[in-house]
Amino acid sequence: MISRSESVLGSLCQEVDGIRQRCLQLQLALPTCQNTRVHARMLHAYRQLQQRQQQVLTTAQFWRKQGW
């Protein structure tokens, strides 16, 4: 049986993988986007993903210090 902490960790790992994939897609698309509104939306999404990635990293570092 999977414990709650393993389930949460697994969910965070899946989220980080999704963030990484989406960031790569945006990094490839941003330089070639010619529509200023679409570019602005993609850039905003990219920045939000970076913030979420930092939040997850901070959480992981905290857990490591706590011995999880």
N, C-alpha and C. Protein backbone atom coordinates (compact mmCIF):
# COMPACT_ATOMS: atom_id res chain seq x y z
N MET A 1 0.84 -1.18 0.00
CA MET A 1 0.00 0.00 0.00
C MET A 1 0.89 1.25 0.00
N ILE A 2 0.47 2.25 -0.74
CA ILE A 2 1.24 3.49 -0.84
C ILE A 2 0.83 4.42 0.30
N SER A 3 1.84 4.96 0.99
CA SER A 3 1.56 5.88 2.08
C SER A 3 1.18 7.24 1.51
N ARG A 4 0.62 8.06 2.37
CA ARG A 4 0.21 9.40 1.95
C ARG A 4 1.41 10.23 1.49
N SER A 5 2.52 10.14 2.20
CA SER A 5 3.70 10.92 1.83
C SER A 5 4.25 10.46 0.48
N GLU A 6 4.21 9.15 0.21
CA GLU A 6 4.65 8.65 -1.10
C GLU A 6 3.72 9.13 -2.20
N SER A 7 2.44 9.20 -1.90
CA SER A 7 1.46 9.67 -2.88
C SER A 7 1.68 11.15 -3.20
N VAL A 8 1.91 11.95 -2.16
CA VAL A 8 2.15 13.38 -2.35
C VAL A 8 3.45 13.58 -3.13
N LEU A 9 4.47 12.85 -2.77
CA LEU A 9 5.75 12.95 -3.47
C LEU A 9 5.60 12.55 -4.94
N GLY A 10 4.87 11.48 -5.18
CA GLY A 10 4.63 11.06 -6.56
C GLY A 10 3.89 12.11 -7.36
N SER A 11 2.90 12.73 -6.74
CA SER A 11 2.14 13.80 -7.40
C SER A 11 3.04 14.99 -7.73
N LEU A 12 3.90 15.35 -6.80
CA LEU A 12 4.82 16.47 -7.04
C LEU A 12 5.81 16.14 -8.15
N CYS A 13 6.27 14.91 -8.19
CA CYS A 13 7.19 14.51 -9.26
C CYS A 13 6.50 14.60 -10.62
N GLN A 14 5.25 14.15 -10.68
CA GLN A 14 4.49 14.25 -11.93
C GLN A 14 4.28 15.71 -12.32
N GLU A 15 3.99 16.54 -11.33
CA GLU A 15 3.79 17.96 -11.61
C GLU A 15 5.06 18.60 -12.14
N VAL A 16 6.18 18.29 -11.51
CA VAL A 16 7.46 18.85 -11.95
C VAL A 16 7.77 18.41 -13.39
N ASP A 17 7.50 17.16 -13.69
CA ASP A 17 7.74 16.67 -15.04
C ASP A 17 6.86 17.42 -16.04
N GLY A 18 5.60 17.64 -15.69
CA GLY A 18 4.71 18.40 -16.55
C GLY A 18 5.17 19.83 -16.74
N ILE A 19 5.63 20.44 -15.65
CA ILE A 19 6.15 21.82 -15.72
C ILE A 19 7.36 21.87 -16.63
N ARG A 20 8.25 20.92 -16.46
CA ARG A 20 9.47 20.88 -17.28
C ARG A 20 9.13 20.77 -18.76
N GLN A 21 8.20 19.88 -19.08
CA GLN A 21 7.80 19.69 -20.48
C GLN A 21 7.15 20.95 -21.05
N ARG A 22 6.26 21.55 -20.29
CA ARG A 22 5.58 22.76 -20.77
C ARG A 22 6.57 23.92 -20.92
N CYS A 23 7.51 24.06 -20.00
CA CYS A 23 8.52 25.12 -20.11
C CYS A 23 9.36 24.94 -21.38
N LEU A 24 9.72 23.70 -21.68
CA LEU A 24 10.49 23.45 -22.89
C LEU A 24 9.69 23.84 -24.14
N GLN A 25 8.41 23.50 -24.14
CA GLN A 25 7.56 23.87 -25.27
C GLN A 25 7.49 25.38 -25.43
N LEU A 26 7.32 26.07 -24.32
CA LEU A 26 7.23 27.53 -24.37
C LEU A 26 8.56 28.16 -24.79
N GLN A 27 9.66 27.60 -24.31
CA GLN A 27 10.97 28.12 -24.70
C GLN A 27 11.19 28.01 -26.20
N LEU A 28 10.67 26.96 -26.80
CA LEU A 28 10.79 26.79 -28.25
C LEU A 28 9.84 27.70 -29.01
N ALA A 29 8.66 27.93 -28.47
CA ALA A 29 7.64 28.70 -29.19
C ALA A 29 7.82 30.21 -29.05
N LEU A 30 8.30 30.67 -27.91
CA LEU A 30 8.38 32.11 -27.67
C LEU A 30 9.20 32.87 -28.72
N PRO A 31 10.38 32.39 -29.09
CA PRO A 31 11.19 33.17 -30.04
C PRO A 31 10.56 33.31 -31.43
N THR A 32 9.68 32.39 -31.78
CA THR A 32 9.11 32.42 -33.13
C THR A 32 7.71 33.02 -33.17
N CYS A 33 7.14 33.34 -32.03
CA CYS A 33 5.79 33.88 -31.98
C CYS A 33 5.78 35.32 -32.49
N GLN A 34 4.90 35.60 -33.42
CA GLN A 34 4.83 36.94 -34.02
C GLN A 34 3.63 37.74 -33.54
N ASN A 35 2.71 37.10 -32.84
CA ASN A 35 1.53 37.79 -32.34
C ASN A 35 1.85 38.30 -30.92
N THR A 36 1.78 39.60 -30.72
CA THR A 36 2.20 40.17 -29.44
C THR A 36 1.31 39.71 -28.28
N ARG A 37 0.01 39.55 -28.53
CA ARG A 37 -0.88 39.09 -27.45
C ARG A 37 -0.59 37.64 -27.07
N VAL A 38 -0.42 36.82 -28.06
CA VAL A 38 -0.10 35.41 -27.80
C VAL A 38 1.26 35.31 -27.11
N HIS A 39 2.22 36.08 -27.56
CA HIS A 39 3.56 36.08 -26.95
C HIS A 39 3.46 36.47 -25.48
N ALA A 40 2.68 37.51 -25.20
CA ALA A 40 2.52 37.97 -23.81
C ALA A 40 1.88 36.88 -22.95
N ARG A 41 0.87 36.19 -23.48
CA ARG A 41 0.22 35.11 -22.73
C ARG A 41 1.19 33.96 -22.46
N MET A 42 1.95 33.61 -23.49
CA MET A 42 2.92 32.51 -23.31
C MET A 42 4.00 32.90 -22.31
N LEU A 43 4.46 34.13 -22.37
CA LEU A 43 5.48 34.58 -21.43
C LEU A 43 4.95 34.58 -20.01
N HIS A 44 3.70 35.01 -19.85
CA HIS A 44 3.07 34.99 -18.53
C HIS A 44 2.96 33.55 -18.01
N ALA A 45 2.52 32.65 -18.88
CA ALA A 45 2.41 31.23 -18.49
C ALA A 45 3.77 30.67 -18.11
N TYR A 46 4.80 31.02 -18.88
CA TYR A 46 6.16 30.56 -18.60
C TYR A 46 6.62 31.03 -17.23
N ARG A 47 6.38 32.28 -16.92
CA ARG A 47 6.78 32.83 -15.62
C ARG A 47 6.03 32.18 -14.47
N GLN A 48 4.74 31.91 -14.68
CA GLN A 48 3.96 31.22 -13.64
C GLN A 48 4.50 29.81 -13.40
N LEU A 49 4.85 29.14 -14.48
CA LEU A 49 5.41 27.79 -14.34
C LEU A 49 6.74 27.82 -13.60
N GLN A 50 7.56 28.82 -13.88
CA GLN A 50 8.82 28.95 -13.17
C GLN A 50 8.59 29.19 -11.67
N GLN A 51 7.59 30.01 -11.35
CA GLN A 51 7.27 30.25 -9.94
C GLN A 51 6.82 28.97 -9.25
N ARG A 52 5.97 28.21 -9.92
CA ARG A 52 5.49 26.95 -9.34
C ARG A 52 6.63 25.97 -9.17
N GLN A 53 7.52 25.94 -10.15
CA GLN A 53 8.68 25.05 -10.06
C GLN A 53 9.53 25.43 -8.85
N GLN A 54 9.68 26.72 -8.60
CA GLN A 54 10.45 27.17 -7.44
C GLN A 54 9.75 26.79 -6.14
N GLN A 55 8.41 26.88 -6.12
CA GLN A 55 7.67 26.48 -4.92
C GLN A 55 7.87 25.00 -4.61
N VAL A 56 7.83 24.18 -5.64
CA VAL A 56 8.01 22.75 -5.45
C VAL A 56 9.44 22.47 -4.97
N LEU A 57 10.41 23.15 -5.54
CA LEU A 57 11.80 22.98 -5.11
C LEU A 57 11.98 23.37 -3.65
N THR A 58 11.37 24.47 -3.26
CA THR A 58 11.44 24.91 -1.87
C THR A 58 10.82 23.88 -0.93
N THR A 59 9.70 23.33 -1.34
CA THR A 59 9.04 22.28 -0.55
C THR A 59 9.93 21.05 -0.43
N ALA A 60 10.51 20.63 -1.53
CA ALA A 60 11.39 19.46 -1.52
C ALA A 60 12.60 19.68 -0.61
N GLN A 61 13.17 20.87 -0.65
CA GLN A 61 14.32 21.18 0.21
C GLN A 61 13.91 21.15 1.68
N PHE A 62 12.73 21.66 1.98
CA PHE A 62 12.23 21.64 3.35
C PHE A 62 12.06 20.19 3.82
N TRP A 63 11.44 19.37 2.96
CA TRP A 63 11.23 17.97 3.31
C TRP A 63 12.55 17.25 3.55
N ARG A 64 13.54 17.56 2.73
CA ARG A 64 14.85 16.91 2.90
C ARG A 64 15.44 17.26 4.25
N LYS A 65 15.31 18.54 4.64
CA LYS A 65 15.83 18.97 5.95
C LYS A 65 15.09 18.29 7.11
N GLN A 66 13.80 18.00 6.88
CA GLN A 66 12.99 17.35 7.90
C GLN A 66 13.20 15.84 7.95
N GLY A 67 13.95 15.31 6.99
CA GLY A 67 14.22 13.89 6.97
C GLY A 67 13.18 13.05 6.29
N TRP A 68 12.40 13.64 5.41
CA TRP A 68 11.37 12.87 4.68
C TRP A 68 12.03 12.10 3.64
